[in-house]
C-alpha atoms as a PDB file:
ATOM      1  CA  MET A   1      72.802  76.405  65.043  1.00  0.00           C
ATOM      2  CA  THR A   2      70.301  73.593  65.562  1.00  0.00           C
ATOM      3  CA  LYS A   3      72.519  71.138  63.698  1.00  0.00           C
ATOM      4  CA  ILE A   4      75.511  72.114  65.823  1.00  0.00           C
ATOM      5  CA  GLU A   5      73.503  71.864  69.027  1.00  0.00           C
ATOM      6  CA  ASN A   6      72.159  68.437  68.072  1.00  0.00           C
ATOM      7  CA  GLU A   7      75.613  67.185  67.128  1.00  0.00           C
ATOM      8  CA  LEU A   8      77.104  68.331  70.430  1.00  0.00           C
ATOM      9  CA  LYS A   9      74.162  66.859  72.344  1.00  0.00           C
ATOM     10  CA  SER A  10      74.628  63.482  70.653  1.00  0.00           C
ATOM     11  CA  ARG A  11      78.279  63.219  71.634  1.00  0.00           C
ATOM     12  CA  GLU A  12      79.368  61.340  74.717  1.00  0.00           C
ATOM     13  CA  ASN A  13      78.568  63.291  77.904  1.00  0.00           C
ATOM     14  CA  ASP A  14      76.540  65.916  76.003  1.00  0.00           C
ATOM     15  CA  GLN A  15      79.170  68.333  74.741  1.00  0.00           C
ATOM     16  CA  ARG A  16      76.912  71.411  74.524  1.00  0.00           C
ATOM     17  CA  ARG A  17      79.050  72.997  77.254  1.00  0.00           C
ATOM     18  CA  ALA A  18      81.485  73.758  74.437  1.00  0.00           C
ATOM     19  CA  LEU A  19      79.104  76.630  73.622  1.00  0.00           C
ATOM     20  CA  LEU A  20      79.671  78.357  76.987  1.00  0.00           C
ATOM     21  CA  PRO A  21      82.202  80.889  75.626  1.00  0.00           C
ATOM     22  CA  LEU A  22      79.507  82.116  73.233  1.00  0.00           C
ATOM     23  CA  LEU A  23      77.558  83.492  76.198  1.00  0.00           C
ATOM     24  CA  GLU A  24      80.113  86.308  76.231  1.00  0.00           C
ATOM     25  CA  ALA A  25      80.101  86.992  72.495  1.00  0.00           C
ATOM     26  CA  ASP A  26      79.803  90.580  71.293  1.00  0.00           C
ATOM     27  CA  ASP A  27      76.980  89.593  68.942  1.00  0.00           C
ATOM     28  CA  ILE A  28      73.688  89.709  70.883  1.00  0.00           C
ATOM     29  CA  HIS A  29      72.002  87.263  68.503  1.00  0.00           C
ATOM     30  CA  LEU A  30      74.785  84.745  69.030  1.00  0.00           C
ATOM     31  CA  ARG A  31      74.527  85.184  72.815  1.00  0.00           C
ATOM     32  CA  LEU A  32      70.762  84.631  72.651  1.00  0.00           C
ATOM     33  CA  LYS A  33      71.051  81.460  70.577  1.00  0.00           C
ATOM     34  CA  ALA A  34      73.838  80.103  72.774  1.00  0.00           C
ATOM     35  CA  ALA A  35      71.847  80.796  75.951  1.00  0.00           C
ATOM     36  CA  ILE A  36      68.830  78.933  74.597  1.00  0.00           C
ATOM     37  CA  ALA A  37      71.011  76.012  73.510  1.00  0.00           C
ATOM     38  CA  LEU A  38      72.620  75.864  76.953  1.00  0.00           C
ATOM     39  CA  LEU A  39      69.472  75.927  79.067  1.00  0.00           C
ATOM     40  CA  ALA A  40      69.572  72.157  79.581  1.00  0.00           C
ATOM     41  CA  VAL A  41      73.236  71.905  80.573  1.00  0.00           C
ATOM     42  CA  ALA A  42      74.038  75.287  82.153  1.00  0.00           C
ATOM     43  CA  PRO A  43      70.650  76.672  83.210  1.00  0.00           C
ATOM     44  CA  GLU A  44      71.842  79.307  85.679  1.00  0.00           C
ATOM     45  CA  GLN A  45      74.369  80.829  83.295  1.00  0.00           C
ATOM     46  CA  ALA A  46      71.954  80.667  80.376  1.00  0.00           C
ATOM     47  CA  ARG A  47      69.128  82.267  82.375  1.00  0.00           C
ATOM     48  CA  LYS A  48      71.417  85.094  83.490  1.00  0.00           C
ATOM     49  CA  VAL A  49      72.310  85.855  79.863  1.00  0.00           C
ATOM     50  CA  LEU A  50      68.654  85.737  78.829  1.00  0.00           C
ATOM     51  CA  MET A  51      67.779  88.176  81.621  1.00  0.00           C
ATOM     52  CA  ASN A  52      70.567  90.526  80.545  1.00  0.00           C
ATOM     53  CA  ILE A  53      69.390  90.440  76.938  1.00  0.00           C
ATOM     54  CA  ARG A  54      65.790  91.031  78.033  1.00  0.00           C
ATOM     55  CA  ASP A  55      66.838  94.023  80.124  1.00  0.00           C
ATOM     56  CA  TYR A  56      68.998  95.459  77.330  1.00  0.00           C
ATOM     57  CA  SER A  57      65.780  96.296  75.429  1.00  0.00           C
ATOM     58  CA  LEU A  58      67.109  95.793  71.923  1.00  0.00           C
ATOM     59  CA  LEU A  59      64.329  94.396  69.771  1.00  0.00           C
ATOM     60  CA  PRO A  60      63.768  91.699  68.608  1.00  0.00           C
ATOM     61  CA  TYR A  61      66.357  90.039  70.877  1.00  0.00           C
ATOM     62  CA  SER A  62      64.976  91.394  74.138  1.00  0.00           C
ATOM     63  CA  MET A  63      61.497  90.170  73.182  1.00  0.00           C
ATOM     64  CA  ASP A  64      62.807  86.709  72.293  1.00  0.00           C
ATOM     65  CA  ALA A  65      64.682  86.482  75.587  1.00  0.00           C
ATOM     66  CA  SER A  66      61.638  87.668  77.522  1.00  0.00           C
ATOM     67  CA  LEU A  67      59.372  85.133  75.835  1.00  0.00           C
ATOM     68  CA  MET A  68      61.848  82.328  76.519  1.00  0.00           C
ATOM     69  CA  LEU A  69      62.072  83.265  80.200  1.00  0.00           C
ATOM     70  CA  THR A  70      58.289  83.394  80.469  1.00  0.00           C
ATOM     71  CA  SER A  71      57.979  80.026  78.749  1.00  0.00           C
ATOM     72  CA  LEU A  72      60.520  78.524  81.135  1.00  0.00           C
ATOM     73  CA  ASP A  73      58.846  79.988  84.201  1.00  0.00           C
ATOM     74  CA  ASN A  74      55.402  78.805  83.109  1.00  0.00           C
ATOM     75  CA  GLY A  75      56.619  75.334  82.146  1.00  0.00           C
ATOM     76  CA  PHE A  76      55.681  75.778  78.499  1.00  0.00           C
ATOM     77  CA  TYR A  77      59.296  75.144  77.502  1.00  0.00           C
ATOM     78  CA  VAL A  78      61.320  72.405  79.141  1.00  0.00           C
ATOM     79  CA  PRO A  79      64.955  72.224  77.989  1.00  0.00           C
ATOM     80  CA  ASP A  80      66.264  68.827  76.981  1.00  0.00           C
END
């Protein structure tokens, strides 16, 4: 996933938006990874998905989403 994200980011006009359809994937892990990858280019949509995953309470995904949201809110993680 990191290689794909970096490749899309390096393309003209940062093509990470191509990952937007993955925010609606059935696979919760895929949704989580896509939301994190999209925080820099689609922060509102990505945050909404992270909040939904957090509230779904399916470990470990809900914990990962919660930690990411906390890190964003506290400024420990700044998307690039």
